[in-house]
All heavy atoms as atom14 arrays in JSON, in Angstrom:
{
  "sequence": "TTNYADSVKGRFTISRDNAKNTVYLQMNSLKPEDT",
  "atom14_mask": [
    [1, 1, 1, 1, 1, 1, 1, 0, 0, 0, 0, 0, 0, 0],
    [1, 1, 1, 1, 1, 1, 1, 0, 0, 0, 0, 0, 0, 0],
    [1, 1, 1, 1, 1, 1, 1, 1, 0, 0, 0, 0, 0, 0],
    [1, 1, 1, 1, 1, 1, 1, 1, 1, 1, 1, 1, 0, 0],
    [1, 1, 1, 1, 1, 0, 0, 0, 0, 0, 0, 0, 0, 0],
    [1, 1, 1, 1, 1, 1, 1, 1, 0, 0, 0, 0, 0, 0],
    [1, 1, 1, 1, 1, 1, 0, 0, 0, 0, 0, 0, 0, 0],
    [1, 1, 1, 1, 1, 1, 1, 0, 0, 0, 0, 0, 0, 0],
    [1, 1, 1, 1, 1, 1, 1, 1, 1, 0, 0, 0, 0, 0],
    [1, 1, 1, 1, 0, 0, 0, 0, 0, 0, 0, 0, 0, 0],
    [1, 1, 1, 1, 1, 1, 1, 1, 1, 1, 1, 0, 0, 0],
    [1, 1, 1, 1, 1, 1, 1, 1, 1, 1, 1, 0, 0, 0],
    [1, 1, 1, 1, 1, 1, 1, 0, 0, 0, 0, 0, 0, 0],
    [1, 1, 1, 1, 1, 1, 1, 1, 0, 0, 0, 0, 0, 0],
    [1, 1, 1, 1, 1, 1, 0, 0, 0, 0, 0, 0, 0, 0],
    [1, 1, 1, 1, 1, 1, 1, 1, 1, 1, 1, 0, 0, 0],
    [1, 1, 1, 1, 1, 1, 1, 1, 0, 0, 0, 0, 0, 0],
    [1, 1, 1, 1, 1, 1, 1, 1, 0, 0, 0, 0, 0, 0],
    [1, 1, 1, 1, 1, 0, 0, 0, 0, 0, 0, 0, 0, 0],
    [1, 1, 1, 1, 1, 1, 1, 1, 1, 0, 0, 0, 0, 0],
    [1, 1, 1, 1, 1, 1, 1, 1, 0, 0, 0, 0, 0, 0],
    [1, 1, 1, 1, 1, 1, 1, 0, 0, 0, 0, 0, 0, 0],
    [1, 1, 1, 1, 1, 1, 1, 0, 0, 0, 0, 0, 0, 0],
    [1, 1, 1, 1, 1, 1, 1, 1, 1, 1, 1, 1, 0, 0],
    [1, 1, 1, 1, 1, 1, 1, 1, 0, 0, 0, 0, 0, 0],
    [1, 1, 1, 1, 1, 1, 1, 1, 1, 0, 0, 0, 0, 0],
    [1, 1, 1, 1, 1, 1, 1, 1, 0, 0, 0, 0, 0, 0],
    [1, 1, 1, 1, 1, 1, 1, 1, 0, 0, 0, 0, 0, 0],
    [1, 1, 1, 1, 1, 1, 0, 0, 0, 0, 0, 0, 0, 0],
    [1, 1, 1, 1, 1, 1, 1, 1, 0, 0, 0, 0, 0, 0],
    [1, 1, 1, 1, 1, 1, 1, 1, 1, 0, 0, 0, 0, 0],
    [1, 1, 1, 1, 1, 1, 1, 0, 0, 0, 0, 0, 0, 0],
    [1, 1, 1, 1, 1, 1, 1, 1, 1, 0, 0, 0, 0, 0],
    [1, 1, 1, 1, 1, 1, 1, 1, 0, 0, 0, 0, 0, 0],
    [1, 1, 1, 1, 1, 1, 1, 0, 0, 0, 0, 0, 0, 0]
  ],
  "atom14_positions": [
    [[0.85, -1.19, 0.0], [0.0, 0.0, 0.0], [0.88, 1.24, 0.0], [1.86, 1.3, 0.75], [-0.92, 0.01, 1.22], [-1.74, -1.16, 1.19], [-1.8, 1.25, 1.23], [0.0, 0.0, 0.0], [0.0, 0.0, 0.0], [0.0, 0.0, 0.0], [0.0, 0.0, 0.0], [0.0, 0.0, 0.0], [0.0, 0.0, 0.0], [0.0, 0.0, 0.0]],
    [[0.53, 2.2, -0.83], [1.38, 3.37, -1.0], [0.66, 4.66, -0.61], [-0.58, 4.72, -0.59], [1.83, 3.49, -2.46], [0.67, 3.58, -3.32], [2.65, 2.28, -2.88], [0.0, 0.0, 0.0], [0.0, 0.0, 0.0], [0.0, 0.0, 0.0], [0.0, 0.0, 0.0], [0.0, 0.0, 0.0], [0.0, 0.0, 0.0], [0.0, 0.0, 0.0]],
    [[1.46, 5.67, -0.34], [0.94, 7.0, -0.04], [1.98, 8.01, -0.48], [3.19, 7.71, -0.44], [0.62, 7.15, 1.44], [-0.36, 8.29, 1.71], [-0.93, 8.85, 0.77], [-0.54, 8.61, 2.96], [0.0, 0.0, 0.0], [0.0, 0.0, 0.0], [0.0, 0.0, 0.0], [0.0, 0.0, 0.0], [0.0, 0.0, 0.0], [0.0, 0.0, 0.0]],
    [[1.51, 9.2, -0.89], [2.4, 10.18, -1.49], [2.15, 11.57, -0.94], [1.03, 11.93, -0.56], [2.2, 10.21, -3.0], [2.45, 8.89, -3.67], [1.43, 7.97, -3.86], [3.75, 8.54, -4.09], [1.67, 6.75, -4.45], [3.99, 7.32, -4.68], [2.95, 6.42, -4.86], [3.19, 5.22, -5.44], [0.0, 0.0, 0.0], [0.0, 0.0, 0.0]],
    [[3.22, 12.38, -0.96], [3.04, 13.8, -0.7], [2.17, 14.39, -1.81], [2.23, 13.95, -2.96], [4.4, 14.49, -0.66], [0.0, 0.0, 0.0], [0.0, 0.0, 0.0], [0.0, 0.0, 0.0], [0.0, 0.0, 0.0], [0.0, 0.0, 0.0], [0.0, 0.0, 0.0], [0.0, 0.0, 0.0], [0.0, 0.0, 0.0], [0.0, 0.0, 0.0]],
    [[1.37, 15.38, -1.45], [0.46, 15.97, -2.44], [1.21, 16.47, -3.67], [0.7, 16.41, -4.79], [-0.32, 17.13, -1.8], [-1.38, 16.66, -0.83], [-1.72, 15.45, -0.86], [-1.84, 17.48, -0.02], [0.0, 0.0, 0.0], [0.0, 0.0, 0.0], [0.0, 0.0, 0.0], [0.0, 0.0, 0.0], [0.0, 0.0, 0.0], [0.0, 0.0, 0.0]],
    [[2.42, 16.96, -3.48], [3.17, 17.57, -4.58], [3.6, 16.56, -5.64], [3.95, 16.97, -6.75], [4.4, 18.29, -4.03], [5.26, 17.37, -3.38], [0.0, 0.0, 0.0], [0.0, 0.0, 0.0], [0.0, 0.0, 0.0], [0.0, 0.0, 0.0], [0.0, 0.0, 0.0], [0.0, 0.0, 0.0], [0.0, 0.0, 0.0], [0.0, 0.0, 0.0]],
    [[3.58, 15.27, -5.31], [4.05, 14.27, -6.28], [2.97, 13.27, -6.68], [3.22, 12.4, -7.52], [5.28, 13.51, -5.74], [6.37, 14.48, -5.31], [4.91, 12.56, -4.6], [0.0, 0.0, 0.0], [0.0, 0.0, 0.0], [0.0, 0.0, 0.0], [0.0, 0.0, 0.0], [0.0, 0.0, 0.0], [0.0, 0.0, 0.0], [0.0, 0.0, 0.0]],
    [[1.79, 13.38, -6.11], [0.71, 12.45, -6.44], [0.42, 12.48, -7.93], [0.34, 13.53, -8.55], [-0.56, 12.82, -5.66], [-0.57, 12.33, -4.23], [-1.87, 12.7, -3.53], [-1.87, 12.23, -2.09], [-3.08, 12.65, -1.36], [0.0, 0.0, 0.0], [0.0, 0.0, 0.0], [0.0, 0.0, 0.0], [0.0, 0.0, 0.0], [0.0, 0.0, 0.0]],
    [[0.27, 11.28, -8.49], [-0.01, 11.16, -9.91], [1.22, 11.2, -10.8], [1.13, 10.94, -11.99], [0.0, 0.0, 0.0], [0.0, 0.0, 0.0], [0.0, 0.0, 0.0], [0.0, 0.0, 0.0], [0.0, 0.0, 0.0], [0.0, 0.0, 0.0], [0.0, 0.0, 0.0], [0.0, 0.0, 0.0], [0.0, 0.0, 0.0], [0.0, 0.0, 0.0]],
    [[2.38, 11.54, -10.21], [3.61, 11.62, -11.0], [4.66, 10.61, -10.53], [5.44, 10.12, -11.34], [4.2, 13.02, -10.9], [3.29, 14.12, -11.41], [4.02, 15.46, -11.46], [4.44, 15.92, -10.15], [5.72, 16.17, -9.83], [6.68, 15.97, -10.72], [6.03, 16.6, -8.62], [0.0, 0.0, 0.0], [0.0, 0.0, 0.0], [0.0, 0.0, 0.0]],
    [[4.68, 10.32, -9.25], [5.69, 9.42, -8.69], [5.01, 8.1, -8.28], [3.85, 8.1, -7.84], [6.33, 10.01, -7.45], [7.27, 11.16, -7.71], [7.33, 11.81, -8.93], [8.12, 11.61, -6.69], [8.2, 12.87, -9.16], [9.0, 12.66, -6.89], [9.02, 13.29, -8.13], [0.0, 0.0, 0.0], [0.0, 0.0, 0.0], [0.0, 0.0, 0.0]],
    [[5.78, 7.01, -8.39], [5.3, 5.71, -7.95], [6.39, 5.01, -7.15], [7.5, 4.81, -7.65], [4.91, 4.83, -9.15], [3.91, 5.5, -9.94], [4.36, 3.49, -8.67], [0.0, 0.0, 0.0], [0.0, 0.0, 0.0], [0.0, 0.0, 0.0], [0.0, 0.0, 0.0], [0.0, 0.0, 0.0], [0.0, 0.0, 0.0], [0.0, 0.0, 0.0]],
    [[6.06, 4.64, -5.92], [6.99, 3.89, -5.09], [6.64, 2.42, -5.19], [5.46, 2.04, -5.27], [6.94, 4.38, -3.62], [8.02, 3.7, -2.79], [5.55, 4.18, -3.02], [8.16, 4.27, -1.36], [0.0, 0.0, 0.0], [0.0, 0.0, 0.0], [0.0, 0.0, 0.0], [0.0, 0.0, 0.0], [0.0, 0.0, 0.0], [0.0, 0.0, 0.0]],
    [[7.66, 1.58, -5.21], [7.45, 0.13, -5.24], [8.6, -0.54, -4.51], [9.6, 0.1, -4.18], [7.34, -0.38, -6.68], [8.52, -0.11, -7.41], [0.0, 0.0, 0.0], [0.0, 0.0, 0.0], [0.0, 0.0, 0.0], [0.0, 0.0, 0.0], [0.0, 0.0, 0.0], [0.0, 0.0, 0.0], [0.0, 0.0, 0.0], [0.0, 0.0, 0.0]],
    [[8.44, -1.83, -4.27], [9.49, -2.57, -3.57], [9.58, -3.98, -4.13], [8.6, -4.55, -4.61], [9.2, -2.61, -2.07], [7.96, -3.35, -1.67], [7.61, -3.13, -0.19], [8.66, -3.62, 0.69], [8.79, -3.23, 1.97], [7.96, -2.33, 2.47], [9.75, -3.73, 2.71], [0.0, 0.0, 0.0], [0.0, 0.0, 0.0], [0.0, 0.0, 0.0]],
    [[10.78, -4.52, -4.04], [11.04, -5.91, -4.41], [11.71, -6.55, -3.22], [12.93, -6.37, -3.0], [11.91, -5.97, -5.66], [12.11, -7.38, -6.18], [11.98, -8.34, -5.38], [12.42, -7.54, -7.37], [0.0, 0.0, 0.0], [0.0, 0.0, 0.0], [0.0, 0.0, 0.0], [0.0, 0.0, 0.0], [0.0, 0.0, 0.0], [0.0, 0.0, 0.0]],
    [[10.94, -7.29, -2.44], [11.49, -7.87, -1.21], [12.56, -8.93, -1.49], [13.45, -9.15, -0.68], [10.38, -8.46, -0.35], [9.5, -7.38, 0.27], [9.91, -6.24, 0.43], [8.27, -7.74, 0.62], [0.0, 0.0, 0.0], [0.0, 0.0, 0.0], [0.0, 0.0, 0.0], [0.0, 0.0, 0.0], [0.0, 0.0, 0.0], [0.0, 0.0, 0.0]],
    [[12.46, -9.58, -2.63], [13.47, -10.59, -2.99], [14.83, -9.96, -3.25], [15.86, -10.6, -3.07], [13.01, -11.38, -4.2], [0.0, 0.0, 0.0], [0.0, 0.0, 0.0], [0.0, 0.0, 0.0], [0.0, 0.0, 0.0], [0.0, 0.0, 0.0], [0.0, 0.0, 0.0], [0.0, 0.0, 0.0], [0.0, 0.0, 0.0], [0.0, 0.0, 0.0]],
    [[14.81, -8.7, -3.68], [16.05, -8.0, -3.99], [16.42, -6.98, -2.92], [17.4, -6.24, -3.08], [15.93, -7.28, -5.34], [15.76, -8.23, -6.52], [15.7, -7.46, -7.83], [15.58, -8.41, -9.02], [15.52, -7.68, -10.31], [0.0, 0.0, 0.0], [0.0, 0.0, 0.0], [0.0, 0.0, 0.0], [0.0, 0.0, 0.0], [0.0, 0.0, 0.0]],
    [[15.63, -6.91, -1.85], [15.89, -5.92, -0.8], [16.03, -4.51, -1.38], [16.95, -3.77, -1.0], [17.15, -6.28, 0.0], [16.85, -7.2, 1.16], [15.9, -7.97, 1.12], [17.67, -7.15, 2.19], [0.0, 0.0, 0.0], [0.0, 0.0, 0.0], [0.0, 0.0, 0.0], [0.0, 0.0, 0.0], [0.0, 0.0, 0.0], [0.0, 0.0, 0.0]],
    [[15.14, -4.16, -2.27], [15.26, -2.89, -2.98], [13.91, -2.18, -3.02], [12.87, -2.81, -3.22], [15.77, -3.11, -4.42], [17.05, -3.75, -4.36], [15.91, -1.79, -5.15], [0.0, 0.0, 0.0], [0.0, 0.0, 0.0], [0.0, 0.0, 0.0], [0.0, 0.0, 0.0], [0.0, 0.0, 0.0], [0.0, 0.0, 0.0], [0.0, 0.0, 0.0]],
    [[13.97, -0.87, -2.84], [12.79, -0.03, -3.0], [13.07, 0.95, -4.13], [14.21, 1.41, -4.3], [12.44, 0.69, -1.67], [13.56, 1.57, -1.19], [11.14, 1.47, -1.8], [0.0, 0.0, 0.0], [0.0, 0.0, 0.0], [0.0, 0.0, 0.0], [0.0, 0.0, 0.0], [0.0, 0.0, 0.0], [0.0, 0.0, 0.0], [0.0, 0.0, 0.0]],
    [[12.04, 1.22, -4.91], [12.18, 2.05, -6.11], [11.3, 3.29, -6.02], [10.3, 3.31, -5.31], [11.77, 1.26, -7.35], [12.54, -0.02, -7.55], [12.01, -1.25, -7.14], [13.79, -0.03, -8.16], [12.7, -2.43, -7.31], [14.49, -1.22, -8.35], [13.94, -2.4, -7.92], [14.64, -3.58, -8.1], [0.0, 0.0, 0.0], [0.0, 0.0, 0.0]],
    [[11.68, 4.3, -6.8], [10.83, 5.47, -6.96], [10.86, 5.86, -8.44], [11.88, 6.34, -8.94], [11.3, 6.64, -6.1], [10.37, 7.85, -6.09], [9.04, 7.49, -5.41], [11.03, 9.04, -5.39], [0.0, 0.0, 0.0], [0.0, 0.0, 0.0], [0.0, 0.0, 0.0], [0.0, 0.0, 0.0], [0.0, 0.0, 0.0], [0.0, 0.0, 0.0]],
    [[9.76, 5.6, -9.11], [9.6, 6.03, -10.5], [9.07, 7.45, -10.49], [8.0, 7.71, -9.92], [8.64, 5.1, -11.24], [8.37, 5.5, -12.67], [9.59, 5.37, -13.56], [10.31, 4.37, -13.5], [9.84, 6.39, -14.39], [0.0, 0.0, 0.0], [0.0, 0.0, 0.0], [0.0, 0.0, 0.0], [0.0, 0.0, 0.0], [0.0, 0.0, 0.0]],
    [[9.8, 8.34, -11.13], [9.44, 9.75, -11.14], [9.18, 10.2, -12.57], [10.1, 10.15, -13.4], [10.54, 10.59, -10.5], [10.94, 10.11, -9.11], [12.08, 11.24, -8.29], [13.49, 11.12, -9.37], [0.0, 0.0, 0.0], [0.0, 0.0, 0.0], [0.0, 0.0, 0.0], [0.0, 0.0, 0.0], [0.0, 0.0, 0.0], [0.0, 0.0, 0.0]],
    [[7.96, 10.6, -12.85], [7.58, 11.06, -14.18], [7.15, 12.53, -14.11], [6.88, 13.07, -13.03], [6.42, 10.22, -14.71], [6.79, 8.75, -14.87], [7.93, 8.41, -15.17], [5.81, 7.88, -14.68], [0.0, 0.0, 0.0], [0.0, 0.0, 0.0], [0.0, 0.0, 0.0], [0.0, 0.0, 0.0], [0.0, 0.0, 0.0], [0.0, 0.0, 0.0]],
    [[7.09, 13.15, -15.27], [6.66, 14.56, -15.37], [7.4, 15.42, -14.35], [6.79, 16.21, -13.62], [5.15, 14.65, -15.15], [4.45, 13.87, -16.1], [0.0, 0.0, 0.0], [0.0, 0.0, 0.0], [0.0, 0.0, 0.0], [0.0, 0.0, 0.0], [0.0, 0.0, 0.0], [0.0, 0.0, 0.0], [0.0, 0.0, 0.0], [0.0, 0.0, 0.0]],
    [[8.69, 15.27, -14.32], [9.49, 15.97, -13.31], [9.42, 17.47, -13.47], [9.34, 18.0, -14.6], [10.93, 15.49, -13.37], [11.14, 14.12, -12.69], [12.44, 13.47, -13.17], [11.16, 14.27, -11.18], [0.0, 0.0, 0.0], [0.0, 0.0, 0.0], [0.0, 0.0, 0.0], [0.0, 0.0, 0.0], [0.0, 0.0, 0.0], [0.0, 0.0, 0.0]],
    [[9.46, 18.16, -12.34], [9.4, 19.62, -12.28], [10.65, 20.14, -11.59], [11.27, 19.42, -10.79], [8.17, 20.05, -11.48], [6.86, 19.52, -12.01], [5.71, 19.94, -11.11], [4.38, 19.41, -11.62], [3.25, 19.82, -10.74], [0.0, 0.0, 0.0], [0.0, 0.0, 0.0], [0.0, 0.0, 0.0], [0.0, 0.0, 0.0], [0.0, 0.0, 0.0]],
    [[11.02, 21.38, -11.83], [12.19, 21.95, -11.15], [12.1, 21.83, -9.62], [13.13, 21.64, -8.96], [12.19, 23.41, -11.61], [11.56, 23.36, -12.97], [10.5, 22.31, -12.86], [0.0, 0.0, 0.0], [0.0, 0.0, 0.0], [0.0, 0.0, 0.0], [0.0, 0.0, 0.0], [0.0, 0.0, 0.0], [0.0, 0.0, 0.0], [0.0, 0.0, 0.0]],
    [[10.92, 21.92, -9.08], [10.77, 21.84, -7.63], [10.97, 20.43, -7.08], [10.99, 20.23, -5.86], [9.39, 22.37, -7.18], [8.21, 21.76, -7.91], [7.74, 22.63, -9.07], [8.6, 23.16, -9.81], [6.51, 22.75, -9.25], [0.0, 0.0, 0.0], [0.0, 0.0, 0.0], [0.0, 0.0, 0.0], [0.0, 0.0, 0.0], [0.0, 0.0, 0.0]],
    [[11.15, 19.45, -7.95], [11.49, 18.09, -7.51], [12.99, 17.96, -7.24], [13.45, 16.92, -6.75], [11.09, 17.06, -8.56], [9.59, 17.0, -8.79], [8.83, 17.11, -7.79], [9.17, 16.85, -9.96], [0.0, 0.0, 0.0], [0.0, 0.0, 0.0], [0.0, 0.0, 0.0], [0.0, 0.0, 0.0], [0.0, 0.0, 0.0], [0.0, 0.0, 0.0]],
    [[13.75, 18.97, -7.56], [15.2, 18.94, -7.38], [15.56, 18.75, -5.91], [14.97, 19.37, -5.02], [15.82, 20.24, -7.91], [15.65, 20.28, -9.33], [17.3, 20.34, -7.58], [0.0, 0.0, 0.0], [0.0, 0.0, 0.0], [0.0, 0.0, 0.0], [0.0, 0.0, 0.0], [0.0, 0.0, 0.0], [0.0, 0.0, 0.0], [0.0, 0.0, 0.0]]
  ]
}
């Protein structure tokens, strides 16, 4: 289950792969304020 800051909702996606001990953040439609 995921949750996002309002500023990134609809643009960012968090996911995890427990087999690889890795968490990801897919960031689309990036804006300067994401810096």
